[in-house]
PDB file of N, CA and C in Angstrom:
ATOM      1  N   MET A   1     -87.365  66.064 -39.300  1.00  0.00           N
ATOM      2  CA  MET A   1     -86.916  65.464 -40.317  1.00  0.00           C
ATOM      3  C   MET A   1     -87.705  64.728 -41.744  1.00  0.00           C
ATOM      4  N   HIS A   2     -87.484  64.685 -42.718  1.00  0.00           N
ATOM      5  CA  HIS A   2     -88.110  64.293 -43.890  1.00  0.00           C
ATOM      6  C   HIS A   2     -87.845  62.823 -43.924  1.00  0.00           C
ATOM      7  N   TYR A   3     -89.279  62.186 -44.355  1.00  0.00           N
ATOM      8  CA  TYR A   3     -88.760  60.724 -44.127  1.00  0.00           C
ATOM      9  C   TYR A   3     -89.518  59.886 -45.781  1.00  0.00           C
ATOM     10  N   LEU A   4     -89.008  59.640 -46.454  1.00  0.00           N
ATOM     11  CA  LEU A   4     -89.700  58.595 -47.567  1.00  0.00           C
ATOM     12  C   LEU A   4     -89.980  57.221 -47.633  1.00  0.00           C
ATOM     13  N   LEU A   5     -90.886  57.052 -48.110  1.00  0.00           N
ATOM     14  CA  LEU A   5     -91.742  55.817 -47.445  1.00  0.00           C
ATOM     15  C   LEU A   5     -91.733  55.367 -48.860  1.00  0.00           C
ATOM     16  N   MET A   6     -91.343  54.395 -48.978  1.00  0.00           N
ATOM     17  CA  MET A   6     -91.153  53.958 -50.894  1.00  0.00           C
ATOM     18  C   MET A   6     -91.788  52.299 -50.807  1.00  0.00           C
ATOM     19  N   TYR A   7     -92.720  52.534 -51.941  1.00  0.00           N
ATOM     20  CA  TYR A   7     -93.295  51.083 -51.813  1.00  0.00           C
ATOM     21  C   TYR A   7     -92.556  50.607 -53.267  1.00  0.00           C
ATOM     22  N   ASP A   8     -92.511  49.072 -53.096  1.00  0.00           N
ATOM     23  CA  ASP A   8     -92.380  48.789 -54.653  1.00  0.00           C
ATOM     24  C   ASP A   8     -94.276  47.667 -54.498  1.00  0.00           C
ATOM     25  N   VAL A   9     -94.680  47.821 -55.986  1.00  0.00           N
ATOM     26  CA  VAL A   9     -96.030  47.099 -55.717  1.00  0.00           C
ATOM     27  C   VAL A   9     -95.861  45.803 -56.752  1.00  0.00           C
ATOM     28  N   THR A  10     -96.833  45.218 -56.738  1.00  0.00           N
ATOM     29  CA  THR A  10     -97.179  44.180 -57.586  1.00  0.00           C
ATOM     30  C   THR A  10     -97.686  44.145 -58.712  1.00  0.00           C
ATOM     31  N   PRO A  11     -97.361  43.490 -59.824  1.00  0.00           N
ATOM     32  CA  PRO A  11     -97.709  43.763 -61.251  1.00  0.00           C
ATOM     33  C   PRO A  11     -99.270  43.826 -61.456  1.00  0.00           C
ATOM     34  N   ASP A  12     -99.775  43.271 -60.665  1.00  0.00           N
ATOM     35  CA  ASP A  12    -101.405  43.479 -60.780  1.00  0.00           C
ATOM     36  C   ASP A  12    -102.122  44.826 -59.759  1.00  0.00           C
ATOM     37  N   TYR A  13    -101.074  45.817 -59.108  1.00  0.00           N
ATOM     38  CA  TYR A  13    -101.363  46.720 -58.461  1.00  0.00           C
ATOM     39  C   TYR A  13    -102.871  47.420 -59.070  1.00  0.00           C
ATOM     40  N   ILE A  14    -102.677  47.620 -60.076  1.00  0.00           N
ATOM     41  CA  ILE A  14    -103.833  49.111 -60.704  1.00  0.00           C
ATOM     42  C   ILE A  14    -105.147  47.909 -60.512  1.00  0.00           C
ATOM     43  N   THR A  15    -105.259  46.804 -61.260  1.00  0.00           N
ATOM     44  CA  THR A  15    -106.465  45.859 -61.196  1.00  0.00           C
ATOM     45  C   THR A  15    -107.010  45.919 -59.711  1.00  0.00           C
ATOM     46  N   ARG A  16    -105.987  45.640 -59.087  1.00  0.00           N
ATOM     47  CA  ARG A  16    -106.484  45.459 -57.658  1.00  0.00           C
ATOM     48  C   ARG A  16    -106.769  46.304 -56.039  1.00  0.00           C
ATOM     49  N   ARG A  17    -106.185  47.575 -56.552  1.00  0.00           N
ATOM     50  CA  ARG A  17    -106.396  48.444 -55.993  1.00  0.00           C
ATOM     51  C   ARG A  17    -107.506  49.056 -55.672  1.00  0.00           C
ATOM     52  N   ALA A  18    -109.108  49.014 -56.578  1.00  0.00           N
ATOM     53  CA  ALA A  18    -110.084  49.836 -55.973  1.00  0.00           C
ATOM     54  C   ALA A  18    -110.462  49.134 -55.002  1.00  0.00           C
ATOM     55  N   GLU A  19    -110.540  47.950 -54.842  1.00  0.00           N
ATOM     56  CA  GLU A  19    -110.748  47.457 -53.448  1.00  0.00           C
ATOM     57  C   GLU A  19    -110.468  47.979 -52.291  1.00  0.00           C
ATOM     58  N   PHE A  20    -109.721  48.154 -51.948  1.00  0.00           N
ATOM     59  CA  PHE A  20    -108.767  48.782 -50.925  1.00  0.00           C
ATOM     60  C   PHE A  20    -108.501  50.211 -50.991  1.00  0.00           C
ATOM     61  N   ARG A  21    -108.755  50.906 -52.238  1.00  0.00           N
ATOM     62  CA  ARG A  21    -108.316  52.018 -51.932  1.00  0.00           C
ATOM     63  C   ARG A  21    -109.283  53.562 -51.601  1.00  0.00           C
ATOM     64  N   PRO A  22    -110.163  53.334 -50.726  1.00  0.00           N
ATOM     65  CA  PRO A  22    -111.115  54.115 -49.773  1.00  0.00           C
ATOM     66  C   PRO A  22    -110.171  54.128 -48.623  1.00  0.00           C
ATOM     67  N   GLU A  23    -109.829  52.602 -48.351  1.00  0.00           N
ATOM     68  CA  GLU A  23    -109.520  52.416 -46.911  1.00  0.00           C
ATOM     69  C   GLU A  23    -107.869  53.246 -46.603  1.00  0.00           C
ATOM     70  N   HIS A  24    -107.464  53.180 -47.713  1.00  0.00           N
ATOM     71  CA  HIS A  24    -105.419  53.651 -48.131  1.00  0.00           C
ATOM     72  C   HIS A  24    -106.077  55.470 -48.106  1.00  0.00           C
ATOM     73  N   LEU A  25    -107.066  55.655 -48.717  1.00  0.00           N
ATOM     74  CA  LEU A  25    -106.829  56.927 -48.728  1.00  0.00           C
ATOM     75  C   LEU A  25    -107.923  57.834 -47.965  1.00  0.00           C
ATOM     76  N   ALA A  26    -108.265  56.797 -46.736  1.00  0.00           N
ATOM     77  CA  ALA A  26    -108.773  57.197 -45.771  1.00  0.00           C
ATOM     78  C   ALA A  26    -107.669  57.530 -44.521  1.00  0.00           C
ATOM     79  N   LEU A  27    -106.839  56.801 -44.336  1.00  0.00           N
ATOM     80  CA  LEU A  27    -105.542  56.815 -43.694  1.00  0.00           C
ATOM     81  C   LEU A  27    -104.544  57.476 -44.188  1.00  0.00           C
ATOM     82  N   ALA A  28    -104.044  57.644 -45.790  1.00  0.00           N
ATOM     83  CA  ALA A  28    -103.471  59.088 -46.338  1.00  0.00           C
ATOM     84  C   ALA A  28    -103.935  60.480 -45.640  1.00  0.00           C
ATOM     85  N   TRP A  29    -105.099  60.305 -45.690  1.00  0.00           N
ATOM     86  CA  TRP A  29    -105.979  61.984 -45.421  1.00  0.00           C
ATOM     87  C   TRP A  29    -105.546  62.147 -44.101  1.00  0.00           C
ATOM     88  N   ALA A  30    -105.702  60.748 -43.338  1.00  0.00           N
ATOM     89  CA  ALA A  30    -105.789  60.654 -42.088  1.00  0.00           C
ATOM     90  C   ALA A  30    -104.421  61.407 -41.409  1.00  0.00           C
ATOM     91  N   ALA A  31    -103.404  60.690 -41.918  1.00  0.00           N
ATOM     92  CA  ALA A  31    -101.999  61.085 -41.343  1.00  0.00           C
ATOM     93  C   ALA A  31    -101.646  62.324 -42.125  1.00  0.00           C
ATOM     94  N   HIS A  32    -102.350  63.046 -42.889  1.00  0.00           N
ATOM     95  CA  HIS A  32    -101.788  64.089 -43.532  1.00  0.00           C
ATOM     96  C   HIS A  32    -102.492  65.282 -42.455  1.00  0.00           C
ATOM     97  N   ASP A  33    -103.864  65.105 -42.294  1.00  0.00           N
ATOM     98  CA  ASP A  33    -104.194  65.923 -41.156  1.00  0.00           C
ATOM     99  C   ASP A  33    -103.650  65.989 -39.569  1.00  0.00           C
ATOM    100  N   ARG A  34    -102.576  64.559 -39.544  1.00  0.00           N
ATOM    101  CA  ARG A  34    -102.395  65.177 -38.251  1.00  0.00           C
ATOM    102  C   ARG A  34    -101.132  65.786 -38.381  1.00  0.00           C
ATOM    103  N   GLY A  35    -100.540  65.743 -39.552  1.00  0.00           N
ATOM    104  CA  GLY A  35     -99.535  66.989 -40.154  1.00  0.00           C
ATOM    105  C   GLY A  35     -97.929  65.937 -40.532  1.00  0.00           C
ATOM    106  N   GLU A  36     -98.396  64.732 -40.754  1.00  0.00           N
ATOM    107  CA  GLU A  36     -97.464  63.410 -40.917  1.00  0.00           C
ATOM    108  C   GLU A  36     -97.017  63.134 -42.220  1.00  0.00           C
ATOM    109  N   LEU A  37     -98.306  63.415 -43.138  1.00  0.00           N
ATOM    110  CA  LEU A  37     -97.799  62.705 -44.454  1.00  0.00           C
ATOM    111  C   LEU A  37     -97.829  64.158 -45.165  1.00  0.00           C
ATOM    112  N   LEU A  38     -96.903  65.004 -46.007  1.00  0.00           N
ATOM    113  CA  LEU A  38     -97.093  65.899 -46.952  1.00  0.00           C
ATOM    114  C   LEU A  38     -97.586  65.392 -48.189  1.00  0.00           C
ATOM    115  N   LEU A  39     -97.070  64.096 -48.452  1.00  0.00           N
ATOM    116  CA  LEU A  39     -97.404  64.111 -50.123  1.00  0.00           C
ATOM    117  C   LEU A  39     -97.496  62.707 -50.489  1.00  0.00           C
ATOM    118  N   GLY A  40     -98.133  62.133 -51.220  1.00  0.00           N
ATOM    119  CA  GLY A  40     -97.840  60.443 -51.684  1.00  0.00           C
ATOM    120  C   GLY A  40     -98.682  60.593 -52.986  1.00  0.00           C
ATOM    121  N   GLY A  41     -98.203  59.350 -53.392  1.00  0.00           N
ATOM    122  CA  GLY A  41     -98.751  58.819 -54.746  1.00  0.00           C
ATOM    123  C   GLY A  41     -98.088  57.974 -55.521  1.00  0.00           C
ATOM    124  N   ALA A  42     -98.485  57.445 -56.365  1.00  0.00           N
ATOM    125  CA  ALA A  42     -97.844  56.125 -57.280  1.00  0.00           C
ATOM    126  C   ALA A  42     -97.369  56.903 -58.206  1.00  0.00           C
ATOM    127  N   LEU A  43     -95.945  56.158 -58.873  1.00  0.00           N
ATOM    128  CA  LEU A  43     -95.195  56.733 -59.728  1.00  0.00           C
ATOM    129  C   LEU A  43     -95.929  56.036 -61.121  1.00  0.00           C
ATOM    130  N   ALA A  44     -95.760  56.671 -62.174  1.00  0.00           N
ATOM    131  CA  ALA A  44     -96.521  56.505 -62.990  1.00  0.00           C
ATOM    132  C   ALA A  44     -95.480  56.175 -64.571  1.00  0.00           C
ATOM    133  N   ASP A  45     -96.371  55.556 -65.350  1.00  0.00           N
ATOM    134  CA  ASP A  45     -95.608  55.042 -66.714  1.00  0.00           C
ATOM    135  C   ASP A  45     -94.330  54.606 -66.334  1.00  0.00           C
ATOM    136  N   PRO A  46     -94.188  53.135 -66.074  1.00  0.00           N
ATOM    137  CA  PRO A  46     -94.896  52.379 -65.187  1.00  0.00           C
ATOM    138  C   PRO A  46     -95.451  52.276 -64.068  1.00  0.00           C
ATOM    139  N   VAL A  47     -96.769  52.126 -63.776  1.00  0.00           N
ATOM    140  CA  VAL A  47     -96.744  52.221 -62.359  1.00  0.00           C
ATOM    141  C   VAL A  47     -96.315  51.043 -61.408  1.00  0.00           C
ATOM    142  N   ASP A  48     -95.091  51.030 -60.928  1.00  0.00           N
ATOM    143  CA  ASP A  48     -94.900  50.074 -60.459  1.00  0.00           C
ATOM    144  C   ASP A  48     -93.909  50.202 -59.268  1.00  0.00           C
ATOM    145  N   ALA A  49     -93.942  51.390 -58.500  1.00  0.00           N
ATOM    146  CA  ALA A  49     -94.245  51.802 -57.441  1.00  0.00           C
ATOM    147  C   ALA A  49     -94.705  53.058 -56.762  1.00  0.00           C
ATOM    148  N   ALA A  50     -94.358  53.291 -55.584  1.00  0.00           N
ATOM    149  CA  ALA A  50     -94.645  54.464 -54.854  1.00  0.00           C
ATOM    150  C   ALA A  50     -94.568  55.341 -53.990  1.00  0.00           C
ATOM    151  N   ILE A  51     -94.798  56.687 -53.727  1.00  0.00           N
ATOM    152  CA  ILE A  51     -93.228  57.132 -52.943  1.00  0.00           C
ATOM    153  C   ILE A  51     -94.580  58.218 -51.801  1.00  0.00           C
ATOM    154  N   LEU A  52     -94.112  57.811 -50.922  1.00  0.00           N
ATOM    155  CA  LEU A  52     -95.072  59.353 -50.212  1.00  0.00           C
ATOM    156  C   LEU A  52     -93.840  60.092 -49.040  1.00  0.00           C
ATOM    157  N   LEU A  53     -94.056  61.457 -48.706  1.00  0.00           N
ATOM    158  CA  LEU A  53     -93.090  62.001 -47.976  1.00  0.00           C
ATOM    159  C   LEU A  53     -93.901  62.479 -46.717  1.00  0.00           C
ATOM    160  N   PHE A  54     -92.986  61.823 -45.238  1.00  0.00           N
ATOM    161  CA  PHE A  54     -93.878  61.982 -44.283  1.00  0.00           C
ATOM    162  C   PHE A  54     -92.443  63.064 -43.650  1.00  0.00           C
ATOM    163  N   GLN A  55     -93.230  63.952 -42.690  1.00  0.00           N
ATOM    164  CA  GLN A  55     -92.293  64.754 -41.841  1.00  0.00           C
ATOM    165  C   GLN A  55     -92.236  64.176 -40.280  1.00  0.00           C
ATOM    166  N   GLY A  56     -91.665  64.213 -39.089  1.00  0.00           N
ATOM    167  CA  GLY A  56     -91.498  64.103 -38.172  1.00  0.00           C
ATOM    168  C   GLY A  56     -90.398  63.866 -37.580  1.00  0.00           C
ATOM    169  N   GLU A  57     -90.223  63.501 -35.972  1.00  0.00           N
ATOM    170  CA  GLU A  57     -88.874  63.158 -35.183  1.00  0.00           C
ATOM    171  C   GLU A  57     -87.914  62.328 -35.152  1.00  0.00           C
ATOM    172  N   SER A  58     -88.921  61.076 -35.971  1.00  0.00           N
ATOM    173  CA  SER A  58     -88.420  59.922 -36.316  1.00  0.00           C
ATOM    174  C   SER A  58     -89.522  59.177 -37.366  1.00  0.00           C
ATOM    175  N   PRO A  59     -88.873  58.096 -37.851  1.00  0.00           N
ATOM    176  CA  PRO A  59     -89.802  57.218 -39.159  1.00  0.00           C
ATOM    177  C   PRO A  59     -90.849  56.474 -38.610  1.00  0.00           C
ATOM    178  N   ALA A  60     -91.167  57.034 -37.314  1.00  0.00           N
ATOM    179  CA  ALA A  60     -92.384  55.902 -36.640  1.00  0.00           C
ATOM    180  C   ALA A  60     -93.548  56.006 -37.173  1.00  0.00           C
ATOM    181  N   GLY A  61     -93.647  57.341 -37.378  1.00  0.00           N
ATOM    182  CA  GLY A  61     -94.918  57.477 -38.566  1.00  0.00           C
ATOM    183  C   GLY A  61     -95.510  56.990 -39.701  1.00  0.00           C
ATOM    184  N   ALA A  62     -94.101  57.052 -40.526  1.00  0.00           N
ATOM    185  CA  ALA A  62     -94.127  56.386 -41.854  1.00  0.00           C
ATOM    186  C   ALA A  62     -94.276  55.094 -41.906  1.00  0.00           C
ATOM    187  N   GLU A  63     -93.414  54.566 -40.608  1.00  0.00           N
ATOM    188  CA  GLU A  63     -93.198  53.066 -40.474  1.00  0.00           C
ATOM    189  C   GLU A  63     -94.528  52.576 -40.194  1.00  0.00           C
ATOM    190  N   ALA A  64     -95.740  53.060 -39.095  1.00  0.00           N
ATOM    191  CA  ALA A  64     -96.755  53.132 -38.766  1.00  0.00           C
ATOM    192  C   ALA A  64     -97.876  53.080 -39.728  1.00  0.00           C
ATOM    193  N   PHE A  65     -97.536  54.006 -40.831  1.00  0.00           N
ATOM    194  CA  PHE A  65     -98.407  54.052 -42.103  1.00  0.00           C
ATOM    195  C   PHE A  65     -98.373  52.576 -42.830  1.00  0.00           C
ATOM    196  N   ALA A  66     -97.455  52.236 -42.921  1.00  0.00           N
ATOM    197  CA  ALA A  66     -97.051  51.097 -43.913  1.00  0.00           C
ATOM    198  C   ALA A  66     -97.666  50.183 -43.406  1.00  0.00           C
ATOM    199  N   MET A  67     -97.138  50.020 -42.511  1.00  0.00           N
ATOM    200  CA  MET A  67     -98.014  48.472 -41.385  1.00  0.00           C
ATOM    201  C   MET A  67     -99.691  48.372 -41.571  1.00  0.00           C
ATOM    202  N   ALA A  68    -100.229  49.605 -41.492  1.00  0.00           N
ATOM    203  CA  ALA A  68    -101.647  49.854 -40.963  1.00  0.00           C
ATOM    204  C   ALA A  68    -102.095  49.323 -42.477  1.00  0.00           C
ATOM    205  N   ASP A  69    -101.201  50.283 -43.711  1.00  0.00           N
ATOM    206  CA  ASP A  69    -102.182  50.044 -45.129  1.00  0.00           C
ATOM    207  C   ASP A  69    -102.666  49.134 -45.759  1.00  0.00           C
ATOM    208  N   PRO A  70    -104.312  48.803 -46.114  1.00  0.00           N
ATOM    209  CA  PRO A  70    -104.551  47.789 -46.810  1.00  0.00           C
ATOM    210  C   PRO A  70    -103.785  47.666 -47.716  1.00  0.00           C
ATOM    211  N   TYR A  71    -102.966  48.211 -48.752  1.00  0.00           N
ATOM    212  CA  TYR A  71    -102.242  47.670 -49.987  1.00  0.00           C
ATOM    213  C   TYR A  71    -101.002  46.753 -49.364  1.00  0.00           C
ATOM    214  N   VAL A  72    -100.587  47.154 -48.231  1.00  0.00           N
ATOM    215  CA  VAL A  72     -99.189  46.750 -47.788  1.00  0.00           C
ATOM    216  C   VAL A  72    -100.110  44.934 -47.171  1.00  0.00           C
ATOM    217  N   ARG A  73    -101.131  45.084 -46.558  1.00  0.00           N
ATOM    218  CA  ARG A  73    -101.890  43.991 -45.707  1.00  0.00           C
ATOM    219  C   ARG A  73    -102.331  42.790 -46.321  1.00  0.00           C
ATOM    220  N   ASN A  74    -103.136  43.777 -47.629  1.00  0.00           N
ATOM    221  CA  ASN A  74    -103.153  42.672 -48.738  1.00  0.00           C
ATOM    222  C   ASN A  74    -102.883  42.589 -49.871  1.00  0.00           C
ATOM    223  N   GLY A  75    -101.277  42.582 -49.757  1.00  0.00           N
ATOM    224  CA  GLY A  75    -100.027  42.062 -50.577  1.00  0.00           C
ATOM    225  C   GLY A  75    -100.355  42.831 -52.082  1.00  0.00           C
ATOM    226  N   LEU A  76    -101.021  43.747 -52.452  1.00  0.00           N
ATOM    227  CA  LEU A  76    -100.452  45.031 -53.111  1.00  0.00           C
ATOM    228  C   LEU A  76     -98.872  45.287 -53.382  1.00  0.00           C
ATOM    229  N   VAL A  77     -98.645  45.512 -52.331  1.00  0.00           N
ATOM    230  CA  VAL A  77     -96.943  46.293 -51.970  1.00  0.00           C
ATOM    231  C   VAL A  77     -96.145  44.600 -51.669  1.00  0.00           C
ATOM    232  N   SER A  78     -95.389  44.250 -52.292  1.00  0.00           N
ATOM    233  CA  SER A  78     -94.093  43.379 -52.242  1.00  0.00           C
ATOM    234  C   SER A  78     -93.241  43.822 -51.428  1.00  0.00           C
ATOM    235  N   GLN A  79     -92.740  45.085 -51.619  1.00  0.00           N
ATOM    236  CA  GLN A  79     -91.584  45.416 -50.302  1.00  0.00           C
ATOM    237  C   GLN A  79     -91.861  47.105 -50.357  1.00  0.00           C
ATOM    238  N   TRP A  80     -91.455  47.483 -49.057  1.00  0.00           N
ATOM    239  CA  TRP A  80     -91.476  48.822 -48.511  1.00  0.00           C
ATOM    240  C   TRP A  80     -90.369  48.852 -47.631  1.00  0.00           C
ATOM    241  N   ARG A  81     -89.758  50.157 -47.409  1.00  0.00           N
ATOM    242  CA  ARG A  81     -88.782  50.867 -46.978  1.00  0.00           C
ATOM    243  C   ARG A  81     -89.127  52.191 -46.681  1.00  0.00           C
ATOM    244  N   VAL A  82     -88.392  52.608 -45.315  1.00  0.00           N
ATOM    245  CA  VAL A  82     -88.553  54.187 -45.335  1.00  0.00           C
ATOM    246  C   VAL A  82     -86.733  54.489 -44.842  1.00  0.00           C
ATOM    247  N   ARG A  83     -86.897  55.545 -45.858  1.00  0.00           N
ATOM    248  CA  ARG A  83     -85.679  56.499 -45.592  1.00  0.00           C
ATOM    249  C   ARG A  83     -85.634  58.031 -45.284  1.00  0.00           C
ATOM    250  N   GLU A  84     -84.685  58.394 -44.809  1.00  0.00           N
ATOM    251  CA  GLU A  84     -84.358  59.806 -44.343  1.00  0.00           C
ATOM    252  C   GLU A  84     -84.153  60.160 -45.129  1.00  0.00           C
ATOM    253  N   TRP A  85     -84.655  61.413 -45.913  1.00  0.00           N
ATOM    254  CA  TRP A  85     -84.389  62.252 -46.636  1.00  0.00           C
ATOM    255  C   TRP A  85     -83.983  63.258 -46.027  1.00  0.00           C
ATOM    256  N   THR A  86     -83.204  64.274 -46.353  1.00  0.00           N
ATOM    257  CA  THR A  86     -82.091  65.159 -45.926  1.00  0.00           C
ATOM    258  C   THR A  86     -82.560  66.229 -46.677  1.00  0.00           C
ATOM    259  N   THR A  87     -83.386  66.898 -46.953  1.00  0.00           N
ATOM    260  CA  THR A  87     -84.125  68.177 -47.562  1.00  0.00           C
ATOM    261  C   THR A  87     -83.535  69.816 -47.124  1.00  0.00           C
ATOM    262  N   VAL A  88     -82.618  69.835 -48.328  1.00  0.00           N
ATOM    263  CA  VAL A  88     -82.054  71.327 -48.056  1.00  0.00           C
ATOM    264  C   VAL A  88     -82.286  72.755 -48.683  1.00  0.00           C
ATOM    265  N   ALA A  89     -83.113  72.430 -49.808  1.00  0.00           N
ATOM    266  CA  ALA A  89     -83.811  73.585 -50.389  1.00  0.00           C
ATOM    267  C   ALA A  89     -85.489  73.446 -50.277  1.00  0.00           C
ATOM    268  N   GLY A  90     -85.794  75.105 -50.781  1.00  0.00           N
ATOM    269  CA  GLY A  90     -87.247  74.814 -50.719  1.00  0.00           C
ATOM    270  C   GLY A  90     -87.847  75.458 -49.493  1.00  0.00           C
ATOM    271  N   ALA A  91     -89.001  75.462 -49.679  1.00  0.00           N
ATOM    272  CA  ALA A  91     -89.383  76.289 -48.648  1.00  0.00           C
ATOM    273  C   ALA A  91     -90.131  75.520 -47.184  1.00  0.00           C
ATOM    274  N   GLY A  92     -90.241  74.307 -47.779  1.00  0.00           N
ATOM    275  CA  GLY A  92     -90.539  72.906 -46.828  1.00  0.00           C
ATOM    276  C   GLY A  92     -89.327  72.253 -46.381  1.00  0.00           C
ATOM    277  N   ALA A  93     -88.285  72.932 -46.673  1.00  0.00           N
ATOM    278  CA  ALA A  93     -86.740  72.312 -46.503  1.00  0.00           C
ATOM    279  C   ALA A  93     -86.928  71.675 -44.906  1.00  0.00           C
ATOM    280  N   ALA A  94     -86.170  70.676 -44.214  1.00  0.00           N
ATOM    281  CA  ALA A  94     -86.125  70.255 -43.043  1.00  0.00           C
ATOM    282  C   ALA A  94     -84.717  71.132 -42.641  1.00  0.00           C
ATOM    283  N   THR A  95     -83.947  71.314 -43.345  1.00  0.00           N
ATOM    284  CA  THR A  95     -82.790  71.934 -42.856  1.00  0.00           C
ATOM    285  C   THR A  95     -81.847  72.706 -43.701  1.00  0.00           C
ATOM    286  N   PRO A  96     -82.889  73.479 -43.974  1.00  0.00           N
ATOM    287  CA  PRO A  96     -82.495  74.525 -45.157  1.00  0.00           C
ATOM    288  C   PRO A  96     -80.990  74.962 -45.023  1.00  0.00           C
ATOM    289  N   ILE A  97     -80.140  74.731 -46.483  1.00  0.00           N
ATOM    290  CA  ILE A  97     -79.086  75.491 -46.444  1.00  0.00           C
ATOM    291  C   ILE A  97     -79.020  76.513 -47.514  1.00  0.00           C
ATOM    292  N   ARG A  98     -78.402  77.840 -47.575  1.00  0.00           N
ATOM    293  CA  ARG A  98     -78.585  78.418 -48.928  1.00  0.00           C
ATOM    294  C   ARG A  98     -77.143  78.508 -48.903  1.00  0.00           C
ATOM    295  N   ALA A  99     -76.698  79.366 -50.506  1.00  0.00           N
ATOM    296  CA  ALA A  99     -75.084  79.115 -50.752  1.00  0.00           C
ATOM    297  C   ALA A  99     -74.457  80.548 -50.290  1.00  0.00           C
ATOM    298  N   THR A 100     -73.542  80.631 -49.582  1.00  0.00           N
ATOM    299  CA  THR A 100     -73.025  81.731 -49.353  1.00  0.00           C
ATOM    300  C   THR A 100     -72.376  82.763 -50.779  1.00  0.00           C
ATOM    301  N   PRO A 101     -72.850  84.234 -50.924  1.00  0.00           N
ATOM    302  CA  PRO A 101     -72.621  84.814 -52.333  1.00  0.00           C
ATOM    303  C   PRO A 101     -71.068  84.817 -51.707  1.00  0.00           C
ATOM    304  N   ARG A 102     -70.247  84.786 -52.492  1.00  0.00           N
ATOM    305  CA  ARG A 102     -68.950  84.791 -53.027  1.00  0.00           C
ATOM    306  C   ARG A 102     -68.499  86.167 -53.261  1.00  0.00           C
TER     307      ARG A 102
END
């Protein structure tokens, strides 16, 4: 299954993140190396949120990531949530569904 970890970030996120970015990126790449994190990054223009795509049997990996993330621990993230995402199209879809030809 796929899970979206969604962050709402504070207005000062851009100016404050540099201090915590090396630890955040190390955490992200470790999750990727374990096969949990597929993609992640901040939304642009405006930078007011970030989305990280996880895969696993449960949302536990995404939740653990958020709780360990220095952005969350140091108040750069005002709110976070994990949502299951039912992916049906594309090479990496968790539950691929193709249309039946008529």
